[in-house]
PDB file of N, CA and C in Angstrom:
ATOM      1  N   UNK A   1     102.748 115.886  84.972  1.00  0.00           N
ATOM      2  CA  UNK A   1     102.275 114.700  85.646  1.00  0.00           C
ATOM      3  C   UNK A   1     102.030 113.576  84.655  1.00  0.00           C
ATOM      4  N   UNK A   2     101.493 113.917  83.498  1.00  0.00           N
ATOM      5  CA  UNK A   2     101.205 112.895  82.500  1.00  0.00           C
ATOM      6  C   UNK A   2     102.485 112.180  82.068  1.00  0.00           C
ATOM      7  N   UNK A   3     103.598 112.924  82.007  1.00  0.00           N
ATOM      8  CA  UNK A   3     104.860 112.308  81.625  1.00  0.00           C
ATOM      9  C   UNK A   3     105.302 111.270  82.650  1.00  0.00           C
ATOM     10  N   UNK A   4     105.003 111.483  83.902  1.00  0.00           N
ATOM     11  CA  UNK A   4     105.397 110.545  84.942  1.00  0.00           C
ATOM     12  C   UNK A   4     104.418 109.385  85.078  1.00  0.00           C
ATOM     13  N   UNK A   5     103.133 109.662  84.961  1.00  0.00           N
ATOM     14  CA  UNK A   5     102.113 108.624  85.139  1.00  0.00           C
ATOM     15  C   UNK A   5     101.934 107.806  83.863  1.00  0.00           C
ATOM     16  N   UNK A   6     102.051 108.463  82.722  1.00  0.00           N
ATOM     17  CA  UNK A   6     101.861 107.796  81.447  1.00  0.00           C
ATOM     18  C   UNK A   6     100.471 108.045  80.903  1.00  0.00           C
ATOM     19  N   UNK A   7     100.285 107.799  79.621  1.00  0.00           N
ATOM     20  CA  UNK A   7      98.994 108.074  79.000  1.00  0.00           C
ATOM     21  C   UNK A   7      98.190 106.809  78.695  1.00  0.00           C
ATOM     22  N   UNK A   8      98.650 105.668  79.155  1.00  0.00           N
ATOM     23  CA  UNK A   8      97.922 104.411  78.944  1.00  0.00           C
ATOM     24  C   UNK A   8      96.809 104.303  79.987  1.00  0.00           C
ATOM     25  N   UNK A   9      95.574 104.519  79.570  1.00  0.00           N
ATOM     26  CA  UNK A   9      94.436 104.491  80.492  1.00  0.00           C
ATOM     27  C   UNK A   9      94.168 103.093  81.049  1.00  0.00           C
ATOM     28  N   UNK A  10      94.611 102.062  80.328  1.00  0.00           N
ATOM     29  CA  UNK A  10      94.375 100.689  80.779  1.00  0.00           C
ATOM     30  C   UNK A  10      95.164 100.372  82.054  1.00  0.00           C
ATOM     31  N   UNK A  11      96.225 101.113  82.336  1.00  0.00           N
ATOM     32  CA  UNK A  11      97.022 100.884  83.547  1.00  0.00           C
ATOM     33  C   UNK A  11      96.277 101.334  84.797  1.00  0.00           C
ATOM     34  N   UNK A  12      95.272 102.175  84.629  1.00  0.00           N
ATOM     35  CA  UNK A  12      94.504 102.645  85.781  1.00  0.00           C
ATOM     36  C   UNK A  12      93.010 102.530  85.468  1.00  0.00           C
ATOM     37  N   UNK A  13      92.434 101.343  85.695  1.00  0.00           N
ATOM     38  CA  UNK A  13      91.018 101.136  85.372  1.00  0.00           C
ATOM     39  C   UNK A  13      90.044 101.866  86.294  1.00  0.00           C
ATOM     40  N   UNK A  14      90.525 102.328  87.446  1.00  0.00           N
ATOM     41  CA  UNK A  14      89.673 103.091  88.354  1.00  0.00           C
ATOM     42  C   UNK A  14      90.524 104.148  89.069  1.00  0.00           C
ATOM     43  N   UNK A  15      89.891 105.100  89.745  1.00  0.00           N
ATOM     44  CA  UNK A  15      90.644 106.192  90.381  1.00  0.00           C
ATOM     45  C   UNK A  15      91.651 105.725  91.432  1.00  0.00           C
ATOM     46  N   UNK A  16      91.301 104.685  92.189  1.00  0.00           N
ATOM     47  CA  UNK A  16      92.241 104.220  93.209  1.00  0.00           C
ATOM     48  C   UNK A  16      93.481 103.586  92.578  1.00  0.00           C
ATOM     49  N   UNK A  17      93.329 102.953  91.418  1.00  0.00           N
ATOM     50  CA  UNK A  17      94.484 102.406  90.713  1.00  0.00           C
ATOM     51  C   UNK A  17      95.398 103.527  90.231  1.00  0.00           C
ATOM     52  N   UNK A  18      94.810 104.643  89.803  1.00  0.00           N
ATOM     53  CA  UNK A  18      95.621 105.794  89.400  1.00  0.00           C
ATOM     54  C   UNK A  18      96.369 106.361  90.600  1.00  0.00           C
ATOM     55  N   UNK A  19      95.729 106.408  91.762  1.00  0.00           N
ATOM     56  CA  UNK A  19      96.397 106.886  92.976  1.00  0.00           C
ATOM     57  C   UNK A  19      97.562 105.968  93.341  1.00  0.00           C
ATOM     58  N   UNK A  20      97.370 104.668  93.194  1.00  0.00           N
ATOM     59  CA  UNK A  20      98.462 103.716  93.457  1.00  0.00           C
ATOM     60  C   UNK A  20      99.589 103.886  92.450  1.00  0.00           C
ATOM     61  N   UNK A  21      99.232 104.046  91.185  1.00  0.00           N
ATOM     62  CA  UNK A  21     100.217 104.252  90.132  1.00  0.00           C
ATOM     63  C   UNK A  21     101.006 105.532  90.360  1.00  0.00           C
ATOM     64  N   UNK A  22     100.320 106.551  90.860  1.00  0.00           N
ATOM     65  CA  UNK A  22     100.977 107.829  91.137  1.00  0.00           C
ATOM     66  C   UNK A  22     101.793 107.789  92.421  1.00  0.00           C
ATOM     67  N   UNK A  23     101.633 106.744  93.221  1.00  0.00           N
ATOM     68  CA  UNK A  23     102.429 106.595  94.433  1.00  0.00           C
ATOM     69  C   UNK A  23     101.902 107.351  95.631  1.00  0.00           C
ATOM     70  N   UNK A  24     100.635 107.762  95.616  1.00  0.00           N
ATOM     71  CA  UNK A  24     100.096 108.528  96.743  1.00  0.00           C
ATOM     72  C   UNK A  24      99.123 107.719  97.600  1.00  0.00           C
ATOM     73  N   UNK A  25      98.910 106.454  97.283  1.00  0.00           N
ATOM     74  CA  UNK A  25      98.023 105.626  98.097  1.00  0.00           C
ATOM     75  C   UNK A  25      98.762 105.185  99.357  1.00  0.00           C
ATOM     76  N   UNK A  26      98.110 105.245 100.521  1.00  0.00           N
ATOM     77  CA  UNK A  26      98.768 104.789 101.742  1.00  0.00           C
ATOM     78  C   UNK A  26      98.885 103.269 101.776  1.00  0.00           C
ATOM     79  N   UNK A  27      99.747 102.781 102.635  1.00  0.00           N
ATOM     80  CA  UNK A  27      99.938 101.344 102.804  1.00  0.00           C
ATOM     81  C   UNK A  27      99.087 100.882 103.984  1.00  0.00           C
ATOM     82  N   UNK A  28      98.176  99.959 103.730  1.00  0.00           N
ATOM     83  CA  UNK A  28      97.291  99.457 104.776  1.00  0.00           C
ATOM     84  C   UNK A  28      97.653  98.014 105.089  1.00  0.00           C
ATOM     85  N   UNK A  29      97.838  97.740 106.376  1.00  0.00           N
ATOM     86  CA  UNK A  29      98.126  96.377 106.828  1.00  0.00           C
ATOM     87  C   UNK A  29      97.114  96.012 107.900  1.00  0.00           C
ATOM     88  N   UNK A  30      96.664  94.756 107.862  1.00  0.00           N
ATOM     89  CA  UNK A  30      95.713  94.306 108.872  1.00  0.00           C
ATOM     90  C   UNK A  30      96.110  92.918 109.339  1.00  0.00           C
ATOM     91  N   UNK A  31      96.084  92.744 110.642  1.00  0.00           N
ATOM     92  CA  UNK A  31      96.373  91.451 111.246  1.00  0.00           C
ATOM     93  C   UNK A  31      95.346  91.254 112.361  1.00  0.00           C
ATOM     94  N   UNK A  32      94.403  90.383 112.143  1.00  0.00           N
ATOM     95  CA  UNK A  32      93.348  90.190 113.127  1.00  0.00           C
ATOM     96  C   UNK A  32      92.504  91.447 113.240  1.00  0.00           C
ATOM     97  N   UNK A  33      92.392  91.970 114.466  1.00  0.00           N
ATOM     98  CA  UNK A  33      91.602  93.173 114.685  1.00  0.00           C
ATOM     99  C   UNK A  33      92.417  94.443 114.544  1.00  0.00           C
ATOM    100  N   UNK A  34      93.739  94.310 114.450  1.00  0.00           N
ATOM    101  CA  UNK A  34      94.603  95.489 114.348  1.00  0.00           C
ATOM    102  C   UNK A  34      94.782  95.901 112.883  1.00  0.00           C
ATOM    103  N   UNK A  35      94.543  97.156 112.623  1.00  0.00           N
ATOM    104  CA  UNK A  35      94.691  97.697 111.270  1.00  0.00           C
ATOM    105  C   UNK A  35      95.559  98.937 111.354  1.00  0.00           C
ATOM    106  N   UNK A  36      96.567  99.036 110.476  1.00  0.00           N
ATOM    107  CA  UNK A  36      97.424 100.222 110.466  1.00  0.00           C
ATOM    108  C   UNK A  36      97.521 100.768 109.048  1.00  0.00           C
ATOM    109  N   UNK A  37      97.507 102.080 108.972  1.00  0.00           N
ATOM    110  CA  UNK A  37      97.646 102.775 107.696  1.00  0.00           C
ATOM    111  C   UNK A  37      98.895 103.632 107.805  1.00  0.00           C
ATOM    112  N   UNK A  38      99.861 103.382 106.934  1.00  0.00           N
ATOM    113  CA  UNK A  38     101.157 104.045 107.001  1.00  0.00           C
ATOM    114  C   UNK A  38     101.525 104.667 105.663  1.00  0.00           C
ATOM    115  N   UNK A  39     102.575 105.457 105.714  1.00  0.00           N
ATOM    116  CA  UNK A  39     103.158 106.046 104.510  1.00  0.00           C
ATOM    117  C   UNK A  39     103.738 104.927 103.658  1.00  0.00           C
ATOM    118  N   UNK A  40     103.481 104.969 102.368  1.00  0.00           N
ATOM    119  CA  UNK A  40     103.996 103.942 101.459  1.00  0.00           C
ATOM    120  C   UNK A  40     105.387 104.354 100.977  1.00  0.00           C
ATOM    121  N   UNK A  41     106.386 103.605 101.405  1.00  0.00           N
ATOM    122  CA  UNK A  41     107.770 103.914 101.048  1.00  0.00           C
ATOM    123  C   UNK A  41     108.170 103.312  99.706  1.00  0.00           C
ATOM    124  N   UNK A  42     107.701 102.128  99.389  1.00  0.00           N
ATOM    125  CA  UNK A  42     108.123 101.408  98.195  1.00  0.00           C
ATOM    126  C   UNK A  42     107.271 101.809  96.994  1.00  0.00           C
ATOM    127  N   UNK A  43     107.581 102.959  96.400  1.00  0.00           N
ATOM    128  CA  UNK A  43     106.876 103.426  95.204  1.00  0.00           C
ATOM    129  C   UNK A  43     107.884 104.066  94.258  1.00  0.00           C
ATOM    130  N   UNK A  44     107.446 104.303  93.042  1.00  0.00           N
ATOM    131  CA  UNK A  44     108.224 105.105  92.117  1.00  0.00           C
ATOM    132  C   UNK A  44     108.081 106.557  92.575  1.00  0.00           C
ATOM    133  N   UNK A  45     109.154 107.144  93.022  1.00  0.00           N
ATOM    134  CA  UNK A  45     109.088 108.451  93.678  1.00  0.00           C
ATOM    135  C   UNK A  45     108.861 109.617  92.712  1.00  0.00           C
ATOM    136  N   UNK A  46     109.213 109.461  91.452  1.00  0.00           N
ATOM    137  CA  UNK A  46     109.020 110.564  90.503  1.00  0.00           C
ATOM    138  C   UNK A  46     107.547 110.899  90.291  1.00  0.00           C
ATOM    139  N   UNK A  47     106.676 109.911  90.041  1.00  0.00           N
ATOM    140  CA  UNK A  47     105.247 110.271  89.927  1.00  0.00           C
ATOM    141  C   UNK A  47     104.689 110.835  91.227  1.00  0.00           C
ATOM    142  N   UNK A  48     105.092 110.274  92.354  1.00  0.00           N
ATOM    143  CA  UNK A  48     104.591 110.788  93.632  1.00  0.00           C
ATOM    144  C   UNK A  48     105.023 112.232  93.832  1.00  0.00           C
ATOM    145  N   UNK A  49     106.269 112.538  93.526  1.00  0.00           N
ATOM    146  CA  UNK A  49     106.740 113.917  93.662  1.00  0.00           C
ATOM    147  C   UNK A  49     105.978 114.852  92.733  1.00  0.00           C
ATOM    148  N   UNK A  50     105.694 114.391  91.507  1.00  0.00           N
ATOM    149  CA  UNK A  50     104.960 115.227  90.554  1.00  0.00           C
ATOM    150  C   UNK A  50     103.546 115.511  91.061  1.00  0.00           C
ATOM    151  N   UNK A  51     102.853 114.488  91.557  1.00  0.00           N
ATOM    152  CA  UNK A  51     101.489 114.672  92.043  1.00  0.00           C
ATOM    153  C   UNK A  51     101.485 115.525  93.317  1.00  0.00           C
ATOM    154  N   UNK A  52     102.447 115.293  94.205  1.00  0.00           N
ATOM    155  CA  UNK A  52     102.512 116.081  95.443  1.00  0.00           C
ATOM    156  C   UNK A  52     102.844 117.544  95.148  1.00  0.00           C
ATOM    157  N   UNK A  53     103.736 117.800  94.192  1.00  0.00           N
ATOM    158  CA  UNK A  53     104.030 119.186  93.811  1.00  0.00           C
ATOM    159  C   UNK A  53     102.796 119.858  93.221  1.00  0.00           C
ATOM    160  N   UNK A  54     102.092 119.124  92.354  1.00  0.00           N
ATOM    161  CA  UNK A  54     100.850 119.656  91.784  1.00  0.00           C
ATOM    162  C   UNK A  54      99.844 119.972  92.886  1.00  0.00           C
ATOM    163  N   UNK A  55      99.690 119.050  93.829  1.00  0.00           N
ATOM    164  CA  UNK A  55      98.720 119.236  94.918  1.00  0.00           C
ATOM    165  C   UNK A  55      99.095 120.436  95.779  1.00  0.00           C
ATOM    166  N   UNK A  56     100.387 120.563  96.097  1.00  0.00           N
ATOM    167  CA  UNK A  56     100.829 121.675  96.942  1.00  0.00           C
ATOM    168  C   UNK A  56     100.555 123.014  96.264  1.00  0.00           C
ATOM    169  N   UNK A  57     100.754 123.071  94.962  1.00  0.00           N
ATOM    170  CA  UNK A  57     100.502 124.320  94.231  1.00  0.00           C
ATOM    171  C   UNK A  57      99.005 124.562  94.036  1.00  0.00           C
ATOM    172  N   UNK A  58      98.216 123.488  93.920  1.00  0.00           N
ATOM    173  CA  UNK A  58      96.790 123.650  93.644  1.00  0.00           C
ATOM    174  C   UNK A  58      96.046 124.291  94.802  1.00  0.00           C
ATOM    175  N   UNK A  59      96.565 124.148  96.001  1.00  0.00           N
ATOM    176  CA  UNK A  59      95.850 124.711  97.157  1.00  0.00           C
ATOM    177  C   UNK A  59      95.840 126.231  97.146  1.00  0.00           C
ATOM    178  N   UNK A  60      96.716 126.830  96.351  1.00  0.00           N
ATOM    179  CA  UNK A  60      96.743 128.296  96.237  1.00  0.00           C
ATOM    180  C   UNK A  60      95.755 128.808  95.188  1.00  0.00           C
ATOM    181  N   UNK A  61      95.323 127.925  94.288  1.00  0.00           N
ATOM    182  CA  UNK A  61      94.466 128.355  93.185  1.00  0.00           C
ATOM    183  C   UNK A  61      93.047 127.790  93.259  1.00  0.00           C
ATOM    184  N   UNK A  62      92.853 126.738  94.017  1.00  0.00           N
ATOM    185  CA  UNK A  62      91.563 126.059  94.023  1.00  0.00           C
ATOM    186  C   UNK A  62      91.002 126.046  95.448  1.00  0.00           C
ATOM    187  N   UNK A  63      89.809 126.616  95.669  1.00  0.00           N
ATOM    188  CA  UNK A  63      89.231 126.641  97.023  1.00  0.00           C
ATOM    189  C   UNK A  63      88.997 125.249  97.609  1.00  0.00           C
ATOM    190  N   UNK A  64      88.621 124.284  96.776  1.00  0.00           N
ATOM    191  CA  UNK A  64      88.402 122.916  97.240  1.00  0.00           C
ATOM    192  C   UNK A  64      89.711 122.329  97.763  1.00  0.00           C
ATOM    193  N   UNK A  65      90.790 122.510  97.017  1.00  0.00           N
ATOM    194  CA  UNK A  65      92.089 121.994  97.436  1.00  0.00           C
ATOM    195  C   UNK A  65      92.559 122.697  98.708  1.00  0.00           C
ATOM    196  N   UNK A  66      92.333 124.010  98.784  1.00  0.00           N
ATOM    197  CA  UNK A  66      92.724 124.756  99.984  1.00  0.00           C
ATOM    198  C   UNK A  66      91.966 124.250 101.205  1.00  0.00           C
ATOM    199  N   UNK A  67      90.675 123.941 101.031  1.00  0.00           N
ATOM    200  CA  UNK A  67      89.882 123.445 102.163  1.00  0.00           C
ATOM    201  C   UNK A  67      90.374 122.077 102.614  1.00  0.00           C
ATOM    202  N   UNK A  68      90.655 121.174 101.674  1.00  0.00           N
ATOM    203  CA  UNK A  68      91.170 119.860 102.049  1.00  0.00           C
ATOM    204  C   UNK A  68      92.481 119.982 102.823  1.00  0.00           C
ATOM    205  N   UNK A  69      93.361 120.840 102.329  1.00  0.00           N
ATOM    206  CA  UNK A  69      94.653 121.049 102.983  1.00  0.00           C
ATOM    207  C   UNK A  69      94.452 121.668 104.366  1.00  0.00           C
ATOM    208  N   UNK A  70      93.632 122.717 104.453  1.00  0.00           N
ATOM    209  CA  UNK A  70      93.400 123.390 105.740  1.00  0.00           C
ATOM    210  C   UNK A  70      92.736 122.463 106.750  1.00  0.00           C
ATOM    211  N   UNK A  71      91.815 121.619 106.303  1.00  0.00           N
ATOM    212  CA  UNK A  71      91.176 120.658 107.193  1.00  0.00           C
ATOM    213  C   UNK A  71      92.194 119.659 107.748  1.00  0.00           C
ATOM    214  N   UNK A  72      93.115 119.227 106.903  1.00  0.00           N
ATOM    215  CA  UNK A  72      94.157 118.295 107.356  1.00  0.00           C
ATOM    216  C   UNK A  72      95.069 118.968 108.379  1.00  0.00           C
ATOM    217  N   UNK A  73      95.427 120.222 108.142  1.00  0.00           N
ATOM    218  CA  UNK A  73      96.259 120.969 109.086  1.00  0.00           C
ATOM    219  C   UNK A  73      95.511 121.136 110.411  1.00  0.00           C
ATOM    220  N   UNK A  74      94.210 121.416 110.332  1.00  0.00           N
ATOM    221  CA  UNK A  74      93.401 121.587 111.541  1.00  0.00           C
ATOM    222  C   UNK A  74      93.305 120.289 112.351  1.00  0.00           C
ATOM    223  N   UNK A  75      93.406 119.142 111.672  1.00  0.00           N
ATOM    224  CA  UNK A  75      93.388 117.851 112.376  1.00  0.00           C
ATOM    225  C   UNK A  75      94.751 117.510 112.978  1.00  0.00           C
ATOM    226  N   UNK A  76      95.734 118.411 112.823  1.00  0.00           N
ATOM    227  CA  UNK A  76      97.041 118.204 113.431  1.00  0.00           C
ATOM    228  C   UNK A  76      98.089 117.588 112.526  1.00  0.00           C
ATOM    229  N   UNK A  77      97.806 117.489 111.231  1.00  0.00           N
ATOM    230  CA  UNK A  77      98.787 116.935 110.296  1.00  0.00           C
ATOM    231  C   UNK A  77      99.831 118.010 109.978  1.00  0.00           C
ATOM    232  N   UNK A  78     101.063 117.587 109.709  1.00  0.00           N
ATOM    233  CA  UNK A  78     102.076 118.559 109.305  1.00  0.00           C
ATOM    234  C   UNK A  78     101.961 118.822 107.799  1.00  0.00           C
ATOM    235  N   UNK A  79     102.729 119.779 107.303  1.00  0.00           N
ATOM    236  CA  UNK A  79     102.612 120.193 105.896  1.00  0.00           C
ATOM    237  C   UNK A  79     102.808 119.026 104.920  1.00  0.00           C
ATOM    238  N   UNK A  80     103.875 118.204 105.052  1.00  0.00           N
ATOM    239  CA  UNK A  80     104.031 117.108 104.089  1.00  0.00           C
ATOM    240  C   UNK A  80     102.867 116.120 104.104  1.00  0.00           C
ATOM    241  N   UNK A  81     102.348 115.816 105.293  1.00  0.00           N
ATOM    242  CA  UNK A  81     101.233 114.876 105.385  1.00  0.00           C
ATOM    243  C   UNK A  81      99.962 115.486 104.793  1.00  0.00           C
ATOM    244  N   UNK A  82      99.709 116.756 105.085  1.00  0.00           N
ATOM    245  CA  UNK A  82      98.531 117.422 104.530  1.00  0.00           C
ATOM    246  C   UNK A  82      98.624 117.499 103.007  1.00  0.00           C
ATOM    247  N   UNK A  83      99.817 117.712 102.491  1.00  0.00           N
ATOM    248  CA  UNK A  83     100.014 117.744 101.038  1.00  0.00           C
ATOM    249  C   UNK A  83      99.742 116.374 100.438  1.00  0.00           C
ATOM    250  N   UNK A  84     100.165 115.314 101.113  1.00  0.00           N
ATOM    251  CA  UNK A  84      99.909 113.960 100.609  1.00  0.00           C
ATOM    252  C   UNK A  84      98.421 113.626 100.653  1.00  0.00           C
ATOM    253  N   UNK A  85      97.713 114.121 101.667  1.00  0.00           N
ATOM    254  CA  UNK A  85      96.259 113.911 101.730  1.00  0.00           C
ATOM    255  C   UNK A  85      95.596 114.574 100.529  1.00  0.00           C
ATOM    256  N   UNK A  86      96.014 115.784 100.221  1.00  0.00           N
ATOM    257  CA  UNK A  86      95.490 116.489  99.056  1.00  0.00           C
ATOM    258  C   UNK A  86      95.896 115.777  97.769  1.00  0.00           C
ATOM    259  N   UNK A  87      97.134 115.294  97.726  1.00  0.00           N
ATOM    260  CA  UNK A  87      97.614 114.567  96.545  1.00  0.00           C
ATOM    261  C   UNK A  87      96.839 113.267  96.348  1.00  0.00           C
ATOM    262  N   UNK A  88      96.325 112.698  97.398  1.00  0.00           N
ATOM    263  CA  UNK A  88      95.519 111.479  97.289  1.00  0.00           C
ATOM    264  C   UNK A  88      94.143 111.775  96.691  1.00  0.00           C
ATOM    265  N   UNK A  89      93.646 112.996  96.868  1.00  0.00           N
ATOM    266  CA  UNK A  89      92.332 113.363  96.344  1.00  0.00           C
ATOM    267  C   UNK A  89      92.373 113.706  94.852  1.00  0.00           C
ATOM    268  N   UNK A  90      93.451 114.312  94.390  1.00  0.00           N
ATOM    269  CA  UNK A  90      93.512 114.766  93.000  1.00  0.00           C
ATOM    270  C   UNK A  90      93.440 113.645  91.957  1.00  0.00           C
ATOM    271  N   UNK A  91      94.035 112.460  92.170  1.00  0.00           N
ATOM    272  CA  UNK A  91      93.907 111.418  91.133  1.00  0.00           C
ATOM    273  C   UNK A  91      92.476 111.044  90.802  1.00  0.00           C
ATOM    274  N   UNK A  92      91.551 111.184  91.749  1.00  0.00           N
ATOM    275  CA  UNK A  92      90.140 110.903  91.454  1.00  0.00           C
ATOM    276  C   UNK A  92      89.597 111.913  90.439  1.00  0.00           C
ATOM    277  N   UNK A  93      89.955 113.175  90.594  1.00  0.00           N
ATOM    278  CA  UNK A  93      89.528 114.213  89.654  1.00  0.00           C
ATOM    279  C   UNK A  93      90.215 113.995  88.308  1.00  0.00           C
ATOM    280  N   UNK A  94      91.523 113.750  88.351  1.00  0.00           N
ATOM    281  CA  UNK A  94      92.305 113.557  87.120  1.00  0.00           C
ATOM    282  C   UNK A  94      91.810 112.338  86.358  1.00  0.00           C
ATOM    283  N   UNK A  95      91.499 111.253  87.069  1.00  0.00           N
ATOM    284  CA  UNK A  95      91.028 110.042  86.412  1.00  0.00           C
ATOM    285  C   UNK A  95      89.741 110.297  85.647  1.00  0.00           C
ATOM    286  N   UNK A  96      88.800 111.003  86.274  1.00  0.00           N
ATOM    287  CA  UNK A  96      87.531 111.297  85.596  1.00  0.00           C
ATOM    288  C   UNK A  96      87.753 112.193  84.384  1.00  0.00           C
ATOM    289  N   UNK A  97      88.659 113.140  84.479  1.00  0.00           N
ATOM    290  CA  UNK A  97      88.963 113.994  83.326  1.00  0.00           C
ATOM    291  C   UNK A  97      89.559 113.171  82.191  1.00  0.00           C
ATOM    292  N   UNK A  98      90.462 112.255  82.514  1.00  0.00           N
ATOM    293  CA  UNK A  98      91.077 111.406  81.487  1.00  0.00           C
ATOM    294  C   UNK A  98      90.051 110.475  80.860  1.00  0.00           C
ATOM    295  N   UNK A  99      89.157 109.909  81.656  1.00  0.00           N
ATOM    296  CA  UNK A  99      88.158 108.986  81.116  1.00  0.00           C
ATOM    297  C   UNK A  99      87.160 109.698  80.214  1.00  0.00           C
ATOM    298  N   UNK A 100      86.786 110.925  80.598  1.00  0.00           N
ATOM    299  CA  UNK A 100      85.828 111.691  79.812  1.00  0.00           C
ATOM    300  C   UNK A 100      86.483 112.410  78.643  1.00  0.00           C
ATOM    301  N   UNK A 101      87.805 112.505  78.654  1.00  0.00           N
ATOM    302  CA  UNK A 101      88.520 113.215  77.596  1.00  0.00           C
ATOM    303  C   UNK A 101      88.307 114.715  77.656  1.00  0.00           C
ATOM    304  N   UNK A 102      88.109 115.242  78.861  1.00  0.00           N
ATOM    305  CA  UNK A 102      87.868 116.668  79.020  1.00  0.00           C
ATOM    306  C   UNK A 102      88.903 117.280  79.954  1.00  0.00           C
ATOM    307  N   UNK A 103      89.060 118.574  79.836  1.00  0.00           N
ATOM    308  CA  UNK A 103      89.931 119.306  80.757  1.00  0.00           C
ATOM    309  C   UNK A 103      89.192 119.535  82.072  1.00  0.00           C
ATOM    310  N   UNK A 104      89.948 119.830  83.119  1.00  0.00           N
ATOM    311  CA  UNK A 104      89.341 120.102  84.420  1.00  0.00           C
ATOM    312  C   UNK A 104      88.490 121.351  84.328  1.00  0.00           C
ATOM    313  N   UNK A 105      87.236 121.227  84.707  1.00  0.00           N
ATOM    314  CA  UNK A 105      86.308 122.346  84.690  1.00  0.00           C
ATOM    315  C   UNK A 105      85.783 122.539  86.103  1.00  0.00           C
ATOM    316  N   UNK A 106      86.177 123.631  86.783  1.00  0.00           N
ATOM    317  CA  UNK A 106      85.708 123.844  88.152  1.00  0.00           C
ATOM    318  C   UNK A 106      84.183 123.873  88.268  1.00  0.00           C
ATOM    319  N   UNK A 107      83.496 124.266  87.204  1.00  0.00           N
ATOM    320  CA  UNK A 107      82.030 124.324  87.243  1.00  0.00           C
ATOM    321  C   UNK A 107      81.411 122.927  87.340  1.00  0.00           C
ATOM    322  N   UNK A 108      82.145 121.897  86.909  1.00  0.00           N
ATOM    323  CA  UNK A 108      81.628 120.528  86.961  1.00  0.00           C
ATOM    324  C   UNK A 108      82.148 119.748  88.168  1.00  0.00           C
ATOM    325  N   UNK A 109      83.033 120.341  88.940  1.00  0.00           N
ATOM    326  CA  UNK A 109      83.603 119.671  90.116  1.00  0.00           C
ATOM    327  C   UNK A 109      82.611 119.797  91.268  1.00  0.00           C
ATOM    328  N   UNK A 110      81.916 118.708  91.556  1.00  0.00           N
ATOM    329  CA  UNK A 110      80.838 118.722  92.530  1.00  0.00           C
ATOM    330  C   UNK A 110      81.251 119.165  93.916  1.00  0.00           C
ATOM    331  N   UNK A 111      82.403 118.699  94.407  1.00  0.00           N
ATOM    332  CA  UNK A 111      82.849 119.065  95.756  1.00  0.00           C
ATOM    333  C   UNK A 111      83.171 120.557  95.820  1.00  0.00           C
ATOM    334  N   UNK A 112      83.764 121.092  94.767  1.00  0.00           N
ATOM    335  CA  UNK A 112      84.066 122.530  94.730  1.00  0.00           C
ATOM    336  C   UNK A 112      82.773 123.335  94.703  1.00  0.00           C
ATOM    337  N   UNK A 113      81.809 122.920  93.892  1.00  0.00           N
ATOM    338  CA  UNK A 113      80.547 123.648  93.800  1.00  0.00           C
ATOM    339  C   UNK A 113      79.792 123.612  95.128  1.00  0.00           C
ATOM    340  N   UNK A 114      79.829 122.473  95.823  1.00  0.00           N
ATOM    341  CA  UNK A 114      79.182 122.383  97.144  1.00  0.00           C
ATOM    342  C   UNK A 114      79.851 123.328  98.134  1.00  0.00           C
ATOM    343  N   UNK A 115      81.166 123.417  98.068  1.00  0.00           N
ATOM    344  CA  UNK A 115      81.902 124.324  98.947  1.00  0.00           C
ATOM    345  C   UNK A 115      81.547 125.777  98.649  1.00  0.00           C
ATOM    346  N   UNK A 116      81.446 126.117  97.372  1.00  0.00           N
ATOM    347  CA  UNK A 116      81.109 127.489  96.992  1.00  0.00           C
ATOM    348  C   UNK A 116      79.680 127.832  97.409  1.00  0.00           C
ATOM    349  N   UNK A 117      78.740 126.868  97.297  1.00  0.00           N
ATOM    350  CA  UNK A 117      77.372 127.107  97.742  1.00  0.00           C
ATOM    351  C   UNK A 117      77.303 127.313  99.254  1.00  0.00           C
ATOM    352  N   UNK A 118      78.159 126.619  99.994  1.00  0.00           N
ATOM    353  CA  UNK A 118      78.216 126.769 101.447  1.00  0.00           C
ATOM    354  C   UNK A 118      78.644 128.182 101.844  1.00  0.00           C
ATOM    355  N   UNK A 119      79.570 128.730 101.063  1.00  0.00           N
ATOM    356  CA  UNK A 119      80.142 130.049 101.391  1.00  0.00           C
ATOM    357  C   UNK A 119      79.213 131.199 101.043  1.00  0.00           C
ATOM    358  N   UNK A 120      78.227 130.948 100.165  1.00  0.00           N
ATOM    359  CA  UNK A 120      77.322 132.027  99.763  1.00  0.00           C
ATOM    360  C   UNK A 120      76.285 132.277 100.852  1.00  0.00           C
ATOM    361  N   UNK A 121      75.956 133.550 101.101  1.00  0.00           N
ATOM    362  CA  UNK A 121      74.910 133.826 102.096  1.00  0.00           C
ATOM    363  C   UNK A 121      73.554 133.375 101.562  1.00  0.00           C
ATOM    364  N   UNK A 122      72.684 132.994 102.472  1.00  0.00           N
ATOM    365  CA  UNK A 122      71.344 132.516 102.096  1.00  0.00           C
ATOM    366  C   UNK A 122      70.542 133.653 101.497  1.00  0.00           C
ATOM    367  N   UNK A 123      69.803 133.363 100.420  1.00  0.00           N
ATOM    368  CA  UNK A 123      68.978 134.380  99.773  1.00  0.00           C
ATOM    369  C   UNK A 123      67.754 134.660 100.644  1.00  0.00           C
ATOM    370  N   UNK A 124      67.414 135.943 100.737  1.00  0.00           N
ATOM    371  CA  UNK A 124      66.268 136.330 101.586  1.00  0.00           C
ATOM    372  C   UNK A 124      64.976 136.290 100.828  1.00  0.00           C
TER     373      UNK A 124
END
């Protein structure tokens, strides 16, 4: 993914900019009171494919990613759309890792830890 996105941190000053750079941000249009959110067609497809492939594989190894994907499927999204939803979440994690100069640590991932605490039975 780094080869496709690049290692220049200045190109992505915040997580949403990294998502746009990676090509996974949706296209939002608004005219008056009507607002539509659509698939973004005009992007560099190589970074988007890299992030989407990473996201699709991550759902098998990470409970947080699996929950995001399963929740999207439960809302009626098809596999490609659910994968893109998951791919939209990962740049936020990746951005923080790049800014801190650290590797991904599941113990520090707040959403994953909250999910794991939810799954544990209450102590008596």
